[in-house]
PDB file of N, CA and C in Angstrom:
ATOM      1  N   UNK A   1     -22.905  29.884  12.919  1.00  0.00           N
ATOM      2  CA  UNK A   1     -23.891  28.873  12.731  1.00  0.00           C
ATOM      3  C   UNK A   1     -25.182  29.467  13.102  1.00  0.00           C
ATOM      4  N   UNK A   2     -26.220  29.155  12.227  1.00  0.00           N
ATOM      5  CA  UNK A   2     -27.525  29.759  12.491  1.00  0.00           C
ATOM      6  C   UNK A   2     -28.127  29.297  13.886  1.00  0.00           C
ATOM      7  N   UNK A   3     -28.951  30.182  14.424  1.00  0.00           N
ATOM      8  CA  UNK A   3     -29.611  29.915  15.683  1.00  0.00           C
ATOM      9  C   UNK A   3     -30.296  28.555  15.651  1.00  0.00           C
ATOM     10  N   UNK A   4     -30.118  27.735  16.626  1.00  0.00           N
ATOM     11  CA  UNK A   4     -30.842  26.449  16.664  1.00  0.00           C
ATOM     12  C   UNK A   4     -30.120  25.324  15.934  1.00  0.00           C
ATOM     13  N   UNK A   5     -29.125  25.595  15.113  1.00  0.00           N
ATOM     14  CA  UNK A   5     -28.456  24.650  14.388  1.00  0.00           C
ATOM     15  C   UNK A   5     -27.101  24.243  15.191  1.00  0.00           C
ATOM     16  N   UNK A   6     -26.929  22.923  15.420  1.00  0.00           N
ATOM     17  CA  UNK A   6     -25.740  22.581  16.203  1.00  0.00           C
ATOM     18  C   UNK A   6     -24.866  21.618  15.430  1.00  0.00           C
ATOM     19  N   UNK A   7     -25.136  21.424  14.177  1.00  0.00           N
ATOM     20  CA  UNK A   7     -24.272  20.483  13.346  1.00  0.00           C
ATOM     21  C   UNK A   7     -25.118  19.988  12.185  1.00  0.00           C
ATOM     22  N   UNK A   8     -24.449  19.227  11.402  1.00  0.00           N
ATOM     23  CA  UNK A   8     -25.118  18.648  10.213  1.00  0.00           C
ATOM     24  C   UNK A   8     -25.469  17.229  10.489  1.00  0.00           C
ATOM     25  N   UNK A   9     -26.679  16.913  10.380  1.00  0.00           N
ATOM     26  CA  UNK A   9     -27.188  15.577  10.574  1.00  0.00           C
ATOM     27  C   UNK A   9     -27.409  14.811   9.312  1.00  0.00           C
ATOM     28  N   UNK A  10     -27.205  13.535   9.245  1.00  0.00           N
ATOM     29  CA  UNK A  10     -27.520  12.704   8.097  1.00  0.00           C
ATOM     30  C   UNK A  10     -26.572  12.945   6.935  1.00  0.00           C
ATOM     31  N   UNK A  11     -25.258  12.843   7.171  1.00  0.00           N
ATOM     32  CA  UNK A  11     -24.266  13.030   6.150  1.00  0.00           C
ATOM     33  C   UNK A  11     -24.463  12.007   5.056  1.00  0.00           C
ATOM     34  N   UNK A  12     -24.494  12.442   3.824  1.00  0.00           N
ATOM     35  CA  UNK A  12     -24.635  11.561   2.654  1.00  0.00           C
ATOM     36  C   UNK A  12     -23.213  11.094   2.246  1.00  0.00           C
ATOM     37  N   UNK A  13     -23.005   9.782   2.046  1.00  0.00           N
ATOM     38  CA  UNK A  13     -21.674   9.308   1.623  1.00  0.00           C
ATOM     39  C   UNK A  13     -21.221  10.007   0.305  1.00  0.00           C
ATOM     40  N   UNK A  14     -19.981  10.417   0.300  1.00  0.00           N
ATOM     41  CA  UNK A  14     -19.438  11.037  -0.974  1.00  0.00           C
ATOM     42  C   UNK A  14     -19.726  12.536  -1.061  1.00  0.00           C
ATOM     43  N   UNK A  15     -20.137  13.171  -0.041  1.00  0.00           N
ATOM     44  CA  UNK A  15     -20.427  14.617  -0.100  1.00  0.00           C
ATOM     45  C   UNK A  15     -19.731  15.345   1.068  1.00  0.00           C
ATOM     46  N   UNK A  16     -19.443  16.624   0.826  1.00  0.00           N
ATOM     47  CA  UNK A  16     -18.870  17.387   1.871  1.00  0.00           C
ATOM     48  C   UNK A  16     -19.809  18.491   2.253  1.00  0.00           C
ATOM     49  N   UNK A  17     -19.547  19.074   3.467  1.00  0.00           N
ATOM     50  CA  UNK A  17     -20.389  20.135   3.918  1.00  0.00           C
ATOM     51  C   UNK A  17     -19.496  21.297   4.307  1.00  0.00           C
ATOM     52  N   UNK A  18     -19.812  22.495   3.779  1.00  0.00           N
ATOM     53  CA  UNK A  18     -19.186  23.741   4.134  1.00  0.00           C
ATOM     54  C   UNK A  18     -20.267  24.790   4.110  1.00  0.00           C
ATOM     55  N   UNK A  19     -20.375  25.574   5.079  1.00  0.00           N
ATOM     56  CA  UNK A  19     -21.412  26.616   5.138  1.00  0.00           C
ATOM     57  C   UNK A  19     -22.777  26.000   4.757  1.00  0.00           C
ATOM     58  N   UNK A  20     -23.016  24.692   5.132  1.00  0.00           N
ATOM     59  CA  UNK A  20     -24.265  24.045   4.946  1.00  0.00           C
ATOM     60  C   UNK A  20     -24.653  23.888   3.438  1.00  0.00           C
ATOM     61  N   UNK A  21     -23.622  23.829   2.583  1.00  0.00           N
ATOM     62  CA  UNK A  21     -23.839  23.500   1.216  1.00  0.00           C
ATOM     63  C   UNK A  21     -23.410  22.007   0.989  1.00  0.00           C
ATOM     64  N   UNK A  22     -23.879  21.423  -0.038  1.00  0.00           N
ATOM     65  CA  UNK A  22     -23.516  19.998  -0.356  1.00  0.00           C
ATOM     66  C   UNK A  22     -22.871  19.916  -1.718  1.00  0.00           C
ATOM     67  N   UNK A  23     -21.721  19.263  -1.791  1.00  0.00           N
ATOM     68  CA  UNK A  23     -21.035  19.084  -3.051  1.00  0.00           C
ATOM     69  C   UNK A  23     -20.484  17.673  -3.149  1.00  0.00           C
ATOM     70  N   UNK A  24     -20.282  17.243  -4.456  1.00  0.00           N
ATOM     71  CA  UNK A  24     -19.822  15.864  -4.655  1.00  0.00           C
ATOM     72  C   UNK A  24     -18.450  15.934  -5.341  1.00  0.00           C
ATOM     73  N   UNK A  25     -17.373  15.660  -4.550  1.00  0.00           N
ATOM     74  CA  UNK A  25     -16.056  15.813  -5.086  1.00  0.00           C
ATOM     75  C   UNK A  25     -15.710  14.870  -6.181  1.00  0.00           C
ATOM     76  N   UNK A  26     -16.419  13.766  -6.357  1.00  0.00           N
ATOM     77  CA  UNK A  26     -16.069  12.748  -7.470  1.00  0.00           C
ATOM     78  C   UNK A  26     -16.285  13.393  -8.818  1.00  0.00           C
ATOM     79  N   UNK A  27     -17.081  14.509  -8.926  1.00  0.00           N
ATOM     80  CA  UNK A  27     -17.245  15.178 -10.169  1.00  0.00           C
ATOM     81  C   UNK A  27     -15.985  15.963 -10.599  1.00  0.00           C
ATOM     82  N   UNK A  28     -15.037  16.076  -9.735  1.00  0.00           N
ATOM     83  CA  UNK A  28     -13.848  16.914 -10.018  1.00  0.00           C
ATOM     84  C   UNK A  28     -12.687  15.928 -10.563  1.00  0.00           C
ATOM     85  N   UNK A  29     -12.879  14.658 -10.636  1.00  0.00           N
ATOM     86  CA  UNK A  29     -11.815  13.664 -10.946  1.00  0.00           C
ATOM     87  C   UNK A  29     -11.050  14.181 -12.211  1.00  0.00           C
ATOM     88  N   UNK A  30     -11.763  14.459 -13.298  1.00  0.00           N
ATOM     89  CA  UNK A  30     -11.053  14.831 -14.562  1.00  0.00           C
ATOM     90  C   UNK A  30     -10.171  16.024 -14.342  1.00  0.00           C
ATOM     91  N   UNK A  31     -10.545  16.990 -13.520  1.00  0.00           N
ATOM     92  CA  UNK A  31      -9.713  18.144 -13.274  1.00  0.00           C
ATOM     93  C   UNK A  31      -8.459  17.681 -12.480  1.00  0.00           C
ATOM     94  N   UNK A  32      -8.601  16.828 -11.549  1.00  0.00           N
ATOM     95  CA  UNK A  32      -7.435  16.344 -10.806  1.00  0.00           C
ATOM     96  C   UNK A  32      -6.406  15.645 -11.728  1.00  0.00           C
ATOM     97  N   UNK A  33      -6.997  14.828 -12.593  1.00  0.00           N
ATOM     98  CA  UNK A  33      -6.183  14.044 -13.554  1.00  0.00           C
ATOM     99  C   UNK A  33      -5.381  14.954 -14.455  1.00  0.00           C
ATOM    100  N   UNK A  34      -6.100  15.861 -15.092  1.00  0.00           N
ATOM    101  CA  UNK A  34      -5.430  16.740 -16.098  1.00  0.00           C
ATOM    102  C   UNK A  34      -4.429  17.729 -15.421  1.00  0.00           C
ATOM    103  N   UNK A  35      -4.751  18.213 -14.219  1.00  0.00           N
ATOM    104  CA  UNK A  35      -3.832  19.178 -13.622  1.00  0.00           C
ATOM    105  C   UNK A  35      -2.620  18.592 -12.956  1.00  0.00           C
ATOM    106  N   UNK A  36      -2.736  17.335 -12.558  1.00  0.00           N
ATOM    107  CA  UNK A  36      -1.594  16.796 -11.718  1.00  0.00           C
ATOM    108  C   UNK A  36      -1.347  15.332 -11.945  1.00  0.00           C
ATOM    109  N   UNK A  37      -2.008  14.668 -12.972  1.00  0.00           N
ATOM    110  CA  UNK A  37      -1.777  13.215 -13.138  1.00  0.00           C
ATOM    111  C   UNK A  37      -2.237  12.347 -11.983  1.00  0.00           C
ATOM    112  N   UNK A  38      -3.311  12.835 -11.292  1.00  0.00           N
ATOM    113  CA  UNK A  38      -3.871  12.040 -10.173  1.00  0.00           C
ATOM    114  C   UNK A  38      -4.556  10.794 -10.792  1.00  0.00           C
ATOM    115  N   UNK A  39      -4.261   9.617 -10.284  1.00  0.00           N
ATOM    116  CA  UNK A  39      -4.850   8.357 -10.721  1.00  0.00           C
ATOM    117  C   UNK A  39      -5.895   7.832  -9.758  1.00  0.00           C
ATOM    118  N   UNK A  40      -5.811   8.219  -8.478  1.00  0.00           N
ATOM    119  CA  UNK A  40      -6.807   7.846  -7.495  1.00  0.00           C
ATOM    120  C   UNK A  40      -6.735   8.829  -6.374  1.00  0.00           C
ATOM    121  N   UNK A  41      -7.877   9.137  -5.747  1.00  0.00           N
ATOM    122  CA  UNK A  41      -7.775  10.068  -4.657  1.00  0.00           C
ATOM    123  C   UNK A  41      -8.823   9.782  -3.563  1.00  0.00           C
ATOM    124  N   UNK A  42      -8.608  10.338  -2.387  1.00  0.00           N
ATOM    125  CA  UNK A  42      -9.582  10.274  -1.302  1.00  0.00           C
ATOM    126  C   UNK A  42      -9.472  11.573  -0.588  1.00  0.00           C
ATOM    127  N   UNK A  43     -10.627  12.184  -0.268  1.00  0.00           N
ATOM    128  CA  UNK A  43     -10.684  13.433   0.456  1.00  0.00           C
ATOM    129  C   UNK A  43     -11.268  13.088   1.893  1.00  0.00           C
ATOM    130  N   UNK A  44     -10.511  13.538   2.848  1.00  0.00           N
ATOM    131  CA  UNK A  44     -10.941  13.357   4.250  1.00  0.00           C
ATOM    132  C   UNK A  44     -11.175  14.728   4.825  1.00  0.00           C
ATOM    133  N   UNK A  45     -12.445  14.941   5.287  1.00  0.00           N
ATOM    134  CA  UNK A  45     -12.778  16.239   5.961  1.00  0.00           C
ATOM    135  C   UNK A  45     -12.504  16.025   7.430  1.00  0.00           C
ATOM    136  N   UNK A  46     -11.495  16.766   7.973  1.00  0.00           N
ATOM    137  CA  UNK A  46     -11.057  16.626   9.371  1.00  0.00           C
ATOM    138  C   UNK A  46     -11.855  17.628  10.210  1.00  0.00           C
ATOM    139  N   UNK A  47     -12.266  18.782   9.706  1.00  0.00           N
ATOM    140  CA  UNK A  47     -13.029  19.718  10.403  1.00  0.00           C
ATOM    141  C   UNK A  47     -13.878  20.539   9.380  1.00  0.00           C
ATOM    142  N   UNK A  48     -14.655  21.468   9.864  1.00  0.00           N
ATOM    143  CA  UNK A  48     -15.424  22.240   8.919  1.00  0.00           C
ATOM    144  C   UNK A  48     -14.638  23.110   7.990  1.00  0.00           C
ATOM    145  N   UNK A  49     -13.362  23.232   8.369  1.00  0.00           N
ATOM    146  CA  UNK A  49     -12.485  24.135   7.522  1.00  0.00           C
ATOM    147  C   UNK A  49     -11.230  23.397   7.005  1.00  0.00           C
ATOM    148  N   UNK A  50     -10.996  22.146   7.313  1.00  0.00           N
ATOM    149  CA  UNK A  50      -9.747  21.523   6.867  1.00  0.00           C
ATOM    150  C   UNK A  50     -10.068  20.141   6.216  1.00  0.00           C
ATOM    151  N   UNK A  51      -9.379  19.975   5.008  1.00  0.00           N
ATOM    152  CA  UNK A  51      -9.477  18.763   4.250  1.00  0.00           C
ATOM    153  C   UNK A  51      -8.074  18.167   3.980  1.00  0.00           C
ATOM    154  N   UNK A  52      -7.995  16.885   3.922  1.00  0.00           N
ATOM    155  CA  UNK A  52      -6.805  16.180   3.494  1.00  0.00           C
ATOM    156  C   UNK A  52      -7.115  15.616   2.165  1.00  0.00           C
ATOM    157  N   UNK A  53      -6.368  15.849   1.130  1.00  0.00           N
ATOM    158  CA  UNK A  53      -6.488  15.256  -0.210  1.00  0.00           C
ATOM    159  C   UNK A  53      -5.366  14.209  -0.305  1.00  0.00           C
ATOM    160  N   UNK A  54      -5.756  12.931  -0.231  1.00  0.00           N
ATOM    161  CA  UNK A  54      -4.793  11.813  -0.379  1.00  0.00           C
ATOM    162  C   UNK A  54      -4.888  11.389  -1.818  1.00  0.00           C
ATOM    163  N   UNK A  55      -3.725  11.162  -2.468  1.00  0.00           N
ATOM    164  CA  UNK A  55      -3.750  10.803  -3.871  1.00  0.00           C
ATOM    165  C   UNK A  55      -2.555   9.948  -4.321  1.00  0.00           C
ATOM    166  N   UNK A  56      -2.839   9.175  -5.336  1.00  0.00           N
ATOM    167  CA  UNK A  56      -1.800   8.491  -6.063  1.00  0.00           C
ATOM    168  C   UNK A  56      -1.615   9.208  -7.395  1.00  0.00           C
ATOM    169  N   UNK A  57      -0.386   9.266  -7.898  1.00  0.00           N
ATOM    170  CA  UNK A  57      -0.177  10.047  -9.111  1.00  0.00           C
ATOM    171  C   UNK A  57       0.767   9.320  -9.992  1.00  0.00           C
ATOM    172  N   UNK A  58       0.828   9.780 -11.254  1.00  0.00           N
ATOM    173  CA  UNK A  58       1.697   9.124 -12.278  1.00  0.00           C
ATOM    174  C   UNK A  58       3.177   9.462 -11.974  1.00  0.00           C
ATOM    175  N   UNK A  59       3.446  10.600 -11.393  1.00  0.00           N
ATOM    176  CA  UNK A  59       4.773  10.996 -10.958  1.00  0.00           C
ATOM    177  C   UNK A  59       4.627  11.963  -9.721  1.00  0.00           C
ATOM    178  N   UNK A  60       5.710  12.196  -8.972  1.00  0.00           N
ATOM    179  CA  UNK A  60       5.607  13.039  -7.801  1.00  0.00           C
ATOM    180  C   UNK A  60       5.035  14.466  -8.190  1.00  0.00           C
ATOM    181  N   UNK A  61       4.300  14.986  -7.280  1.00  0.00           N
ATOM    182  CA  UNK A  61       3.698  16.309  -7.477  1.00  0.00           C
ATOM    183  C   UNK A  61       4.768  17.440  -7.234  1.00  0.00           C
ATOM    184  N   UNK A  62       4.722  18.483  -8.030  1.00  0.00           N
ATOM    185  CA  UNK A  62       5.571  19.634  -7.806  1.00  0.00           C
ATOM    186  C   UNK A  62       4.642  20.710  -7.180  1.00  0.00           C
ATOM    187  N   UNK A  63       5.231  21.865  -6.785  1.00  0.00           N
ATOM    188  CA  UNK A  63       4.536  22.904  -6.086  1.00  0.00           C
ATOM    189  C   UNK A  63       3.432  23.489  -6.968  1.00  0.00           C
ATOM    190  N   UNK A  64       3.632  23.647  -8.233  1.00  0.00           N
ATOM    191  CA  UNK A  64       2.592  24.197  -9.117  1.00  0.00           C
ATOM    192  C   UNK A  64       1.395  23.245  -9.154  1.00  0.00           C
ATOM    193  N   UNK A  65       1.624  21.915  -9.222  1.00  0.00           N
ATOM    194  CA  UNK A  65       0.560  20.971  -9.279  1.00  0.00           C
ATOM    195  C   UNK A  65      -0.242  20.969  -7.940  1.00  0.00           C
ATOM    196  N   UNK A  66       0.456  21.092  -6.819  1.00  0.00           N
ATOM    197  CA  UNK A  66      -0.202  21.104  -5.521  1.00  0.00           C
ATOM    198  C   UNK A  66      -1.077  22.346  -5.457  1.00  0.00           C
ATOM    199  N   UNK A  67      -0.604  23.466  -5.917  1.00  0.00           N
ATOM    200  CA  UNK A  67      -1.367  24.720  -5.907  1.00  0.00           C
ATOM    201  C   UNK A  67      -2.640  24.532  -6.812  1.00  0.00           C
ATOM    202  N   UNK A  68      -2.435  23.891  -7.988  1.00  0.00           N
ATOM    203  CA  UNK A  68      -3.610  23.683  -8.901  1.00  0.00           C
ATOM    204  C   UNK A  68      -4.615  22.847  -8.185  1.00  0.00           C
ATOM    205  N   UNK A  69      -4.196  21.740  -7.563  1.00  0.00           N
ATOM    206  CA  UNK A  69      -5.159  20.874  -6.862  1.00  0.00           C
ATOM    207  C   UNK A  69      -5.907  21.626  -5.755  1.00  0.00           C
ATOM    208  N   UNK A  70      -5.138  22.408  -5.024  1.00  0.00           N
ATOM    209  CA  UNK A  70      -5.838  23.180  -3.918  1.00  0.00           C
ATOM    210  C   UNK A  70      -6.870  24.123  -4.575  1.00  0.00           C
ATOM    211  N   UNK A  71      -6.559  24.807  -5.634  1.00  0.00           N
ATOM    212  CA  UNK A  71      -7.434  25.723  -6.288  1.00  0.00           C
ATOM    213  C   UNK A  71      -8.692  24.960  -6.763  1.00  0.00           C
ATOM    214  N   UNK A  72      -8.530  23.857  -7.442  1.00  0.00           N
ATOM    215  CA  UNK A  72      -9.589  23.012  -7.936  1.00  0.00           C
ATOM    216  C   UNK A  72     -10.549  22.609  -6.862  1.00  0.00           C
ATOM    217  N   UNK A  73      -9.953  22.186  -5.729  1.00  0.00           N
ATOM    218  CA  UNK A  73     -10.791  21.773  -4.586  1.00  0.00           C
ATOM    219  C   UNK A  73     -11.542  22.957  -4.034  1.00  0.00           C
ATOM    220  N   UNK A  74     -10.849  24.020  -3.750  1.00  0.00           N
ATOM    221  CA  UNK A  74     -11.546  25.189  -3.181  1.00  0.00           C
ATOM    222  C   UNK A  74     -12.677  25.726  -4.020  1.00  0.00           C
ATOM    223  N   UNK A  75     -12.462  25.882  -5.293  1.00  0.00           N
ATOM    224  CA  UNK A  75     -13.395  26.373  -6.234  1.00  0.00           C
ATOM    225  C   UNK A  75     -14.520  25.297  -6.490  1.00  0.00           C
ATOM    226  N   UNK A  76     -14.177  24.075  -6.653  1.00  0.00           N
ATOM    227  CA  UNK A  76     -15.095  22.998  -6.908  1.00  0.00           C
ATOM    228  C   UNK A  76     -16.064  22.794  -5.719  1.00  0.00           C
ATOM    229  N   UNK A  77     -15.508  22.922  -4.548  1.00  0.00           N
ATOM    230  CA  UNK A  77     -16.381  22.694  -3.322  1.00  0.00           C
ATOM    231  C   UNK A  77     -16.992  23.990  -2.796  1.00  0.00           C
ATOM    232  N   UNK A  78     -16.585  25.134  -3.387  1.00  0.00           N
ATOM    233  CA  UNK A  78     -17.222  26.407  -3.040  1.00  0.00           C
ATOM    234  C   UNK A  78     -16.832  26.874  -1.621  1.00  0.00           C
ATOM    235  N   UNK A  79     -15.639  26.572  -1.168  1.00  0.00           N
ATOM    236  CA  UNK A  79     -15.230  27.010   0.193  1.00  0.00           C
ATOM    237  C   UNK A  79     -13.695  27.036   0.202  1.00  0.00           C
ATOM    238  N   UNK A  80     -13.136  28.021   0.878  1.00  0.00           N
ATOM    239  CA  UNK A  80     -11.635  28.132   0.916  1.00  0.00           C
ATOM    240  C   UNK A  80     -11.044  27.236   2.022  1.00  0.00           C
ATOM    241  N   UNK A  81     -11.268  25.904   1.949  1.00  0.00           N
ATOM    242  CA  UNK A  81     -10.739  24.994   2.874  1.00  0.00           C
ATOM    243  C   UNK A  81      -9.249  25.160   2.995  1.00  0.00           C
ATOM    244  N   UNK A  82      -8.689  24.848   4.170  1.00  0.00           N
ATOM    245  CA  UNK A  82      -7.220  24.649   4.338  1.00  0.00           C
ATOM    246  C   UNK A  82      -7.115  23.178   3.831  1.00  0.00           C
ATOM    247  N   UNK A  83      -6.197  22.948   2.906  1.00  0.00           N
ATOM    248  CA  UNK A  83      -6.026  21.681   2.271  1.00  0.00           C
ATOM    249  C   UNK A  83      -4.606  21.141   2.411  1.00  0.00           C
ATOM    250  N   UNK A  84      -4.508  19.973   2.943  1.00  0.00           N
ATOM    251  CA  UNK A  84      -3.223  19.259   3.102  1.00  0.00           C
ATOM    252  C   UNK A  84      -3.237  18.144   1.974  1.00  0.00           C
ATOM    253  N   UNK A  85      -2.201  18.148   1.191  1.00  0.00           N
ATOM    254  CA  UNK A  85      -2.061  17.223   0.065  1.00  0.00           C
ATOM    255  C   UNK A  85      -1.112  16.145   0.474  1.00  0.00           C
ATOM    256  N   UNK A  86      -1.547  14.852   0.518  1.00  0.00           N
ATOM    257  CA  UNK A  86      -0.725  13.724   0.936  1.00  0.00           C
ATOM    258  C   UNK A  86      -0.616  12.775  -0.312  1.00  0.00           C
ATOM    259  N   UNK A  87       0.624  12.608  -0.789  1.00  0.00           N
ATOM    260  CA  UNK A  87       0.823  11.609  -1.853  1.00  0.00           C
ATOM    261  C   UNK A  87       1.118  10.235  -1.236  1.00  0.00           C
ATOM    262  N   UNK A  88       0.343   9.280  -1.629  1.00  0.00           N
ATOM    263  CA  UNK A  88       0.439   7.898  -1.048  1.00  0.00           C
ATOM    264  C   UNK A  88       0.684   6.944  -2.125  1.00  0.00           C
ATOM    265  N   UNK A  89       1.201   5.726  -1.759  1.00  0.00           N
ATOM    266  CA  UNK A  89       1.407   4.603  -2.721  1.00  0.00           C
ATOM    267  C   UNK A  89       0.063   3.984  -3.205  1.00  0.00           C
ATOM    268  N   UNK A  90      -0.823   3.872  -2.315  1.00  0.00           N
ATOM    269  CA  UNK A  90      -2.165   3.324  -2.623  1.00  0.00           C
ATOM    270  C   UNK A  90      -3.199   3.741  -1.630  1.00  0.00           C
ATOM    271  N   UNK A  91      -4.467   3.603  -1.947  1.00  0.00           N
ATOM    272  CA  UNK A  91      -5.548   4.040  -1.059  1.00  0.00           C
ATOM    273  C   UNK A  91      -6.380   2.778  -0.847  1.00  0.00           C
ATOM    274  N   UNK A  92      -6.438   2.350   0.429  1.00  0.00           N
ATOM    275  CA  UNK A  92      -7.081   1.108   0.808  1.00  0.00           C
ATOM    276  C   UNK A  92      -8.583   1.210   0.721  1.00  0.00           C
ATOM    277  N   UNK A  93      -9.206   0.097   0.491  1.00  0.00           N
ATOM    278  CA  UNK A  93     -10.647  -0.042   0.575  1.00  0.00           C
ATOM    279  C   UNK A  93     -11.122  -0.170   2.009  1.00  0.00           C
ATOM    280  N   UNK A  94     -12.363   0.093   2.253  1.00  0.00           N
ATOM    281  CA  UNK A  94     -12.936  -0.066   3.595  1.00  0.00           C
ATOM    282  C   UNK A  94     -12.999  -1.527   3.976  1.00  0.00           C
ATOM    283  N   UNK A  95     -13.353  -1.881   5.164  1.00  0.00           N
ATOM    284  CA  UNK A  95     -13.482  -3.256   5.592  1.00  0.00           C
ATOM    285  C   UNK A  95     -14.549  -4.025   4.748  1.00  0.00           C
ATOM    286  N   UNK A  96     -15.577  -3.309   4.219  1.00  0.00           N
ATOM    287  CA  UNK A  96     -16.615  -3.910   3.400  1.00  0.00           C
ATOM    288  C   UNK A  96     -16.214  -4.024   2.011  1.00  0.00           C
ATOM    289  N   UNK A  97     -14.985  -3.640   1.662  1.00  0.00           N
ATOM    290  CA  UNK A  97     -14.533  -3.760   0.272  1.00  0.00           C
ATOM    291  C   UNK A  97     -14.814  -2.602  -0.635  1.00  0.00           C
ATOM    292  N   UNK A  98     -15.447  -1.557  -0.103  1.00  0.00           N
ATOM    293  CA  UNK A  98     -15.814  -0.400  -0.886  1.00  0.00           C
ATOM    294  C   UNK A  98     -14.687   0.656  -0.864  1.00  0.00           C
ATOM    295  N   UNK A  99     -14.565   1.364  -1.984  1.00  0.00           N
ATOM    296  CA  UNK A  99     -13.652   2.470  -2.042  1.00  0.00           C
ATOM    297  C   UNK A  99     -14.438   3.697  -1.773  1.00  0.00           C
ATOM    298  N   UNK A 100     -13.980   4.435  -0.806  1.00  0.00           N
ATOM    299  CA  UNK A 100     -14.649   5.759  -0.462  1.00  0.00           C
ATOM    300  C   UNK A 100     -13.814   6.912  -0.866  1.00  0.00           C
ATOM    301  N   UNK A 101     -14.326   7.757  -1.821  1.00  0.00           N
ATOM    302  CA  UNK A 101     -13.566   8.894  -2.294  1.00  0.00           C
ATOM    303  C   UNK A 101     -13.645  10.070  -1.307  1.00  0.00           C
ATOM    304  N   UNK A 102     -14.690   9.982  -0.426  1.00  0.00           N
ATOM    305  CA  UNK A 102     -14.838  11.109   0.562  1.00  0.00           C
ATOM    306  C   UNK A 102     -15.191  10.526   1.935  1.00  0.00           C
ATOM    307  N   UNK A 103     -14.458  10.983   2.959  1.00  0.00           N
ATOM    308  CA  UNK A 103     -14.715  10.497   4.305  1.00  0.00           C
ATOM    309  C   UNK A 103     -14.830  11.779   5.219  1.00  0.00           C
ATOM    310  N   UNK A 104     -15.991  11.860   5.905  1.00  0.00           N
ATOM    311  CA  UNK A 104     -16.144  12.952   6.795  1.00  0.00           C
ATOM    312  C   UNK A 104     -15.905  12.531   8.284  1.00  0.00           C
ATOM    313  N   UNK A 105     -14.925  13.220   8.852  1.00  0.00           N
ATOM    314  CA  UNK A 105     -14.686  12.952  10.323  1.00  0.00           C
ATOM    315  C   UNK A 105     -15.233  14.118  11.160  1.00  0.00           C
ATOM    316  N   UNK A 106     -16.114  14.841  10.608  1.00  0.00           N
ATOM    317  CA  UNK A 106     -16.762  16.020  11.331  1.00  0.00           C
ATOM    318  C   UNK A 106     -17.906  15.477  12.089  1.00  0.00           C
TER     319      UNK A 106
END
């Protein structure tokens, strides 16, 4: 981390931070859909180096599809995140009724 910087302030909804760059994962949806039949997804950033990719799919993911999703995320976000892929039945909306495709817990 650069001298004097102690974290990222003012996180913008729907964006991730890695190496102080900003990316919008919603722009990757078509790639997720074509590579693995993803119908809905949510990315949770648990740390500066770890993401969870929660998704609903047309059919269960195989190893090749999981590797493809990992590659799309790492290349699209410009950082070699450790990525955990979680297949779920549905992705809930927030208490306000909004669907959040990206959540930062950093």
